[in-house]
Amino acid sequence: LLQAEINKIEAAHRSVFVAGWRPFIGWVCGLGFAWAFLGHPIFEWVVAVRHLGVAAPAIHVDDMMELVFALLGLGALRTTEKLAGKAK
């Protein structure tokens, strides 16, 4: 209960450095997936077509998948709470 109270206080804070860590994680995962599934393949294709011989860093998405699934699960739980009328 104490941790839940701390979470409420942090979420209500006006500073993005206090209340913005959850969105930051979402942004990092979103950018990581954008690079892994769009940017990196397009970059590799351009390098192959132009015979540039350079390599771009690949992102291992396994760890990001766990984090995104956890965030989506928490979001689904929050939506369930709201639909049940237990949250504002």
N, C-alpha and C. Protein backbone atom coordinates (compact mmCIF):
# COMPACT_ATOMS: atom_id res chain seq x y z
N LEU A 1 0.82 -1.20 0.00
CA LEU A 1 0.00 0.00 0.00
C LEU A 1 0.86 1.26 0.00
N LEU A 2 1.99 1.19 0.73
CA LEU A 2 2.87 2.34 0.78
C LEU A 2 3.47 2.64 -0.60
N GLN A 3 3.87 1.58 -1.32
CA GLN A 3 4.42 1.78 -2.66
C GLN A 3 3.37 2.35 -3.61
N ALA A 4 2.14 1.90 -3.49
CA ALA A 4 1.07 2.44 -4.32
C ALA A 4 0.86 3.92 -4.05
N GLU A 5 0.97 4.32 -2.79
CA GLU A 5 0.84 5.74 -2.44
C GLU A 5 1.99 6.55 -3.03
N ILE A 6 3.20 6.00 -2.97
CA ILE A 6 4.37 6.68 -3.56
C ILE A 6 4.18 6.82 -5.07
N ASN A 7 3.67 5.77 -5.71
CA ASN A 7 3.44 5.82 -7.16
C ASN A 7 2.44 6.91 -7.52
N LYS A 8 1.39 7.09 -6.71
CA LYS A 8 0.41 8.15 -6.96
C LYS A 8 1.05 9.52 -6.86
N ILE A 9 1.91 9.70 -5.86
CA ILE A 9 2.58 10.99 -5.67
C ILE A 9 3.50 11.28 -6.85
N GLU A 10 4.27 10.27 -7.28
CA GLU A 10 5.18 10.45 -8.42
C GLU A 10 4.41 10.76 -9.69
N ALA A 11 3.30 10.07 -9.92
CA ALA A 11 2.52 10.26 -11.15
C ALA A 11 1.89 11.64 -11.20
N ALA A 12 1.61 12.23 -10.05
CA ALA A 12 0.98 13.55 -10.01
C ALA A 12 1.99 14.69 -10.11
N HIS A 13 3.26 14.37 -10.07
CA HIS A 13 4.30 15.40 -10.10
C HIS A 13 4.33 16.10 -11.45
N ARG A 14 4.60 17.39 -11.46
CA ARG A 14 4.60 18.18 -12.69
C ARG A 14 5.88 18.00 -13.52
N SER A 15 6.94 17.58 -12.90
CA SER A 15 8.21 17.43 -13.61
C SER A 15 8.24 16.13 -14.40
N VAL A 16 8.70 16.21 -15.64
CA VAL A 16 8.80 15.02 -16.48
C VAL A 16 9.87 14.06 -15.95
N PHE A 17 10.82 14.55 -15.19
CA PHE A 17 11.86 13.69 -14.66
C PHE A 17 11.35 12.82 -13.51
N VAL A 18 10.24 13.19 -12.92
CA VAL A 18 9.65 12.40 -11.84
C VAL A 18 8.51 11.55 -12.36
N ALA A 19 7.62 12.17 -13.10
CA ALA A 19 6.42 11.48 -13.57
C ALA A 19 6.60 10.88 -14.96
N GLY A 20 7.69 11.18 -15.62
CA GLY A 20 7.84 10.78 -17.01
C GLY A 20 8.64 9.52 -17.27
N TRP A 21 8.98 8.78 -16.22
CA TRP A 21 9.82 7.62 -16.50
C TRP A 21 9.04 6.51 -17.20
N ARG A 22 7.77 6.37 -16.91
CA ARG A 22 7.00 5.34 -17.61
C ARG A 22 6.84 5.68 -19.09
N PRO A 23 6.47 6.92 -19.44
CA PRO A 23 6.43 7.26 -20.86
C PRO A 23 7.80 7.14 -21.53
N PHE A 24 8.86 7.48 -20.79
CA PHE A 24 10.21 7.37 -21.36
C PHE A 24 10.51 5.93 -21.76
N ILE A 25 10.13 4.98 -20.91
CA ILE A 25 10.36 3.57 -21.24
C ILE A 25 9.57 3.20 -22.49
N GLY A 26 8.36 3.69 -22.59
CA GLY A 26 7.56 3.43 -23.79
C GLY A 26 8.19 4.02 -25.03
N TRP A 27 8.70 5.25 -24.91
CA TRP A 27 9.37 5.89 -26.06
C TRP A 27 10.62 5.13 -26.47
N VAL A 28 11.41 4.71 -25.50
CA VAL A 28 12.63 3.97 -25.80
C VAL A 28 12.29 2.66 -26.52
N CYS A 29 11.29 1.95 -26.01
CA CYS A 29 10.89 0.70 -26.66
C CYS A 29 10.33 0.97 -28.05
N GLY A 30 9.54 2.01 -28.20
CA GLY A 30 8.98 2.34 -29.51
C GLY A 30 10.07 2.68 -30.51
N LEU A 31 11.03 3.48 -30.10
CA LEU A 31 12.15 3.81 -30.99
C LEU A 31 12.99 2.57 -31.29
N GLY A 32 13.18 1.74 -30.29
CA GLY A 32 13.95 0.51 -30.51
C GLY A 32 13.28 -0.40 -31.51
N PHE A 33 11.97 -0.57 -31.38
CA PHE A 33 11.24 -1.40 -32.34
C PHE A 33 11.22 -0.76 -33.72
N ALA A 34 11.09 0.56 -33.77
CA ALA A 34 11.12 1.25 -35.08
C ALA A 34 12.45 1.00 -35.77
N TRP A 35 13.55 1.07 -35.01
CA TRP A 35 14.86 0.82 -35.62
C TRP A 35 14.99 -0.65 -36.00
N ALA A 36 14.59 -1.56 -35.10
CA ALA A 36 14.78 -2.99 -35.34
C ALA A 36 13.96 -3.50 -36.53
N PHE A 37 12.74 -2.98 -36.70
CA PHE A 37 11.87 -3.53 -37.73
C PHE A 37 11.72 -2.65 -38.97
N LEU A 38 12.12 -1.39 -38.89
CA LEU A 38 12.04 -0.50 -40.05
C LEU A 38 13.40 0.06 -40.44
N GLY A 39 14.02 0.76 -39.53
CA GLY A 39 15.27 1.45 -39.84
C GLY A 39 16.41 0.53 -40.23
N HIS A 40 16.64 -0.50 -39.43
CA HIS A 40 17.76 -1.40 -39.69
C HIS A 40 17.60 -2.16 -41.01
N PRO A 41 16.43 -2.77 -41.29
CA PRO A 41 16.29 -3.44 -42.59
C PRO A 41 16.43 -2.49 -43.79
N ILE A 42 15.87 -1.29 -43.67
CA ILE A 42 16.02 -0.32 -44.77
C ILE A 42 17.47 0.09 -44.93
N PHE A 43 18.15 0.33 -43.80
CA PHE A 43 19.57 0.68 -43.85
C PHE A 43 20.37 -0.43 -44.51
N GLU A 44 20.13 -1.69 -44.12
CA GLU A 44 20.85 -2.81 -44.72
C GLU A 44 20.57 -2.91 -46.22
N TRP A 45 19.33 -2.65 -46.61
CA TRP A 45 18.99 -2.71 -48.02
C TRP A 45 19.75 -1.63 -48.80
N VAL A 46 19.77 -0.40 -48.27
CA VAL A 46 20.48 0.69 -48.94
C VAL A 46 21.97 0.37 -49.05
N VAL A 47 22.55 -0.17 -47.99
CA VAL A 47 23.97 -0.53 -48.00
C VAL A 47 24.23 -1.61 -49.04
N ALA A 48 23.34 -2.61 -49.13
CA ALA A 48 23.53 -3.68 -50.10
C ALA A 48 23.38 -3.17 -51.54
N VAL A 49 22.41 -2.30 -51.78
CA VAL A 49 22.18 -1.79 -53.13
C VAL A 49 23.34 -0.91 -53.59
N ARG A 50 23.86 -0.12 -52.68
CA ARG A 50 24.95 0.81 -53.03
C ARG A 50 26.35 0.24 -52.80
N HIS A 51 26.42 -0.99 -52.32
CA HIS A 51 27.71 -1.67 -52.07
C HIS A 51 28.62 -0.83 -51.19
N LEU A 52 28.09 -0.33 -50.07
CA LEU A 52 28.85 0.54 -49.19
C LEU A 52 29.73 -0.23 -48.22
N GLY A 53 29.35 -1.43 -47.85
CA GLY A 53 30.18 -2.25 -46.98
C GLY A 53 30.25 -1.79 -45.53
N VAL A 54 29.25 -1.12 -45.04
CA VAL A 54 29.21 -0.72 -43.63
C VAL A 54 28.10 -1.50 -42.93
N ALA A 55 28.19 -1.56 -41.62
CA ALA A 55 27.18 -2.29 -40.86
C ALA A 55 26.56 -1.38 -39.81
N ALA A 56 25.27 -1.50 -39.63
CA ALA A 56 24.56 -0.74 -38.61
C ALA A 56 24.36 -1.64 -37.39
N PRO A 57 24.32 -1.05 -36.23
CA PRO A 57 24.10 -1.88 -35.04
C PRO A 57 22.69 -2.47 -35.03
N ALA A 58 22.62 -3.73 -34.67
CA ALA A 58 21.33 -4.40 -34.56
C ALA A 58 20.88 -4.35 -33.10
N ILE A 59 19.60 -4.28 -32.90
CA ILE A 59 19.03 -4.26 -31.56
C ILE A 59 18.40 -5.62 -31.29
N HIS A 60 18.75 -6.22 -30.17
CA HIS A 60 18.14 -7.49 -29.76
C HIS A 60 16.81 -7.16 -29.08
N VAL A 61 15.73 -7.55 -29.71
CA VAL A 61 14.42 -7.14 -29.24
C VAL A 61 13.84 -8.04 -28.16
N ASP A 62 14.52 -9.12 -27.79
CA ASP A 62 13.98 -10.04 -26.79
C ASP A 62 13.72 -9.34 -25.46
N ASP A 63 14.70 -8.60 -24.97
CA ASP A 63 14.53 -7.90 -23.70
C ASP A 63 13.47 -6.82 -23.80
N MET A 64 13.42 -6.12 -24.93
CA MET A 64 12.40 -5.08 -25.12
C MET A 64 11.00 -5.70 -25.16
N MET A 65 10.89 -6.89 -25.74
CA MET A 65 9.58 -7.54 -25.81
C MET A 65 9.03 -7.80 -24.42
N GLU A 66 9.89 -8.28 -23.51
CA GLU A 66 9.44 -8.53 -22.15
C GLU A 66 8.94 -7.24 -21.50
N LEU A 67 9.67 -6.16 -21.70
CA LEU A 67 9.30 -4.88 -21.11
C LEU A 67 7.99 -4.35 -21.70
N VAL A 68 7.85 -4.45 -23.01
CA VAL A 68 6.63 -3.97 -23.66
C VAL A 68 5.43 -4.80 -23.22
N PHE A 69 5.59 -6.11 -23.14
CA PHE A 69 4.48 -6.94 -22.68
C PHE A 69 4.09 -6.59 -21.26
N ALA A 70 5.07 -6.32 -20.41
CA ALA A 70 4.77 -5.91 -19.03
C ALA A 70 4.02 -4.58 -19.02
N LEU A 71 4.47 -3.61 -19.82
CA LEU A 71 3.80 -2.32 -19.88
C LEU A 71 2.38 -2.45 -20.43
N LEU A 72 2.21 -3.27 -21.46
CA LEU A 72 0.88 -3.46 -22.02
C LEU A 72 -0.03 -4.18 -21.03
N GLY A 73 0.52 -5.12 -20.29
CA GLY A 73 -0.26 -5.82 -19.28
C GLY A 73 -0.74 -4.88 -18.19
N LEU A 74 0.15 -3.99 -17.75
CA LEU A 74 -0.24 -3.02 -16.73
C LEU A 74 -1.29 -2.07 -17.28
N GLY A 75 -1.16 -1.69 -18.53
CA GLY A 75 -2.15 -0.82 -19.16
C GLY A 75 -3.51 -1.50 -19.25
N ALA A 76 -3.51 -2.79 -19.56
CA ALA A 76 -4.76 -3.54 -19.63
C ALA A 76 -5.41 -3.65 -18.25
N LEU A 77 -4.59 -3.87 -17.24
CA LEU A 77 -5.13 -3.93 -15.88
C LEU A 77 -5.74 -2.60 -15.48
N ARG A 78 -5.08 -1.51 -15.84
CA ARG A 78 -5.60 -0.18 -15.51
C ARG A 78 -6.93 0.07 -16.23
N THR A 79 -7.02 -0.34 -17.48
CA THR A 79 -8.26 -0.18 -18.23
C THR A 79 -9.37 -1.01 -17.59
N THR A 80 -9.04 -2.21 -17.15
CA THR A 80 -10.02 -3.06 -16.48
C THR A 80 -10.52 -2.40 -15.20
N GLU A 81 -9.60 -1.82 -14.44
CA GLU A 81 -10.00 -1.09 -13.22
C GLU A 81 -10.94 0.05 -13.55
N LYS A 82 -10.63 0.80 -14.60
CA LYS A 82 -11.48 1.95 -14.96
C LYS A 82 -12.86 1.47 -15.40
N LEU A 83 -12.91 0.41 -16.19
CA LEU A 83 -14.21 -0.10 -16.66
C LEU A 83 -15.04 -0.66 -15.51
N ALA A 84 -14.37 -1.20 -14.49
CA ALA A 84 -15.08 -1.74 -13.34
C ALA A 84 -15.49 -0.64 -12.36
N GLY A 85 -15.05 0.59 -12.61
CA GLY A 85 -15.42 1.71 -11.75
C GLY A 85 -14.59 1.81 -10.48
N LYS A 86 -13.45 1.14 -10.44
CA LYS A 86 -12.60 1.19 -9.24
C LYS A 86 -11.55 2.27 -9.32
N ALA A 87 -11.43 2.92 -10.45
CA ALA A 87 -10.46 4.01 -10.62
C ALA A 87 -11.17 5.19 -11.26
N LYS A 88 -10.58 6.35 -11.10
CA LYS A 88 -11.17 7.57 -11.69
C LYS A 88 -10.97 7.59 -13.17
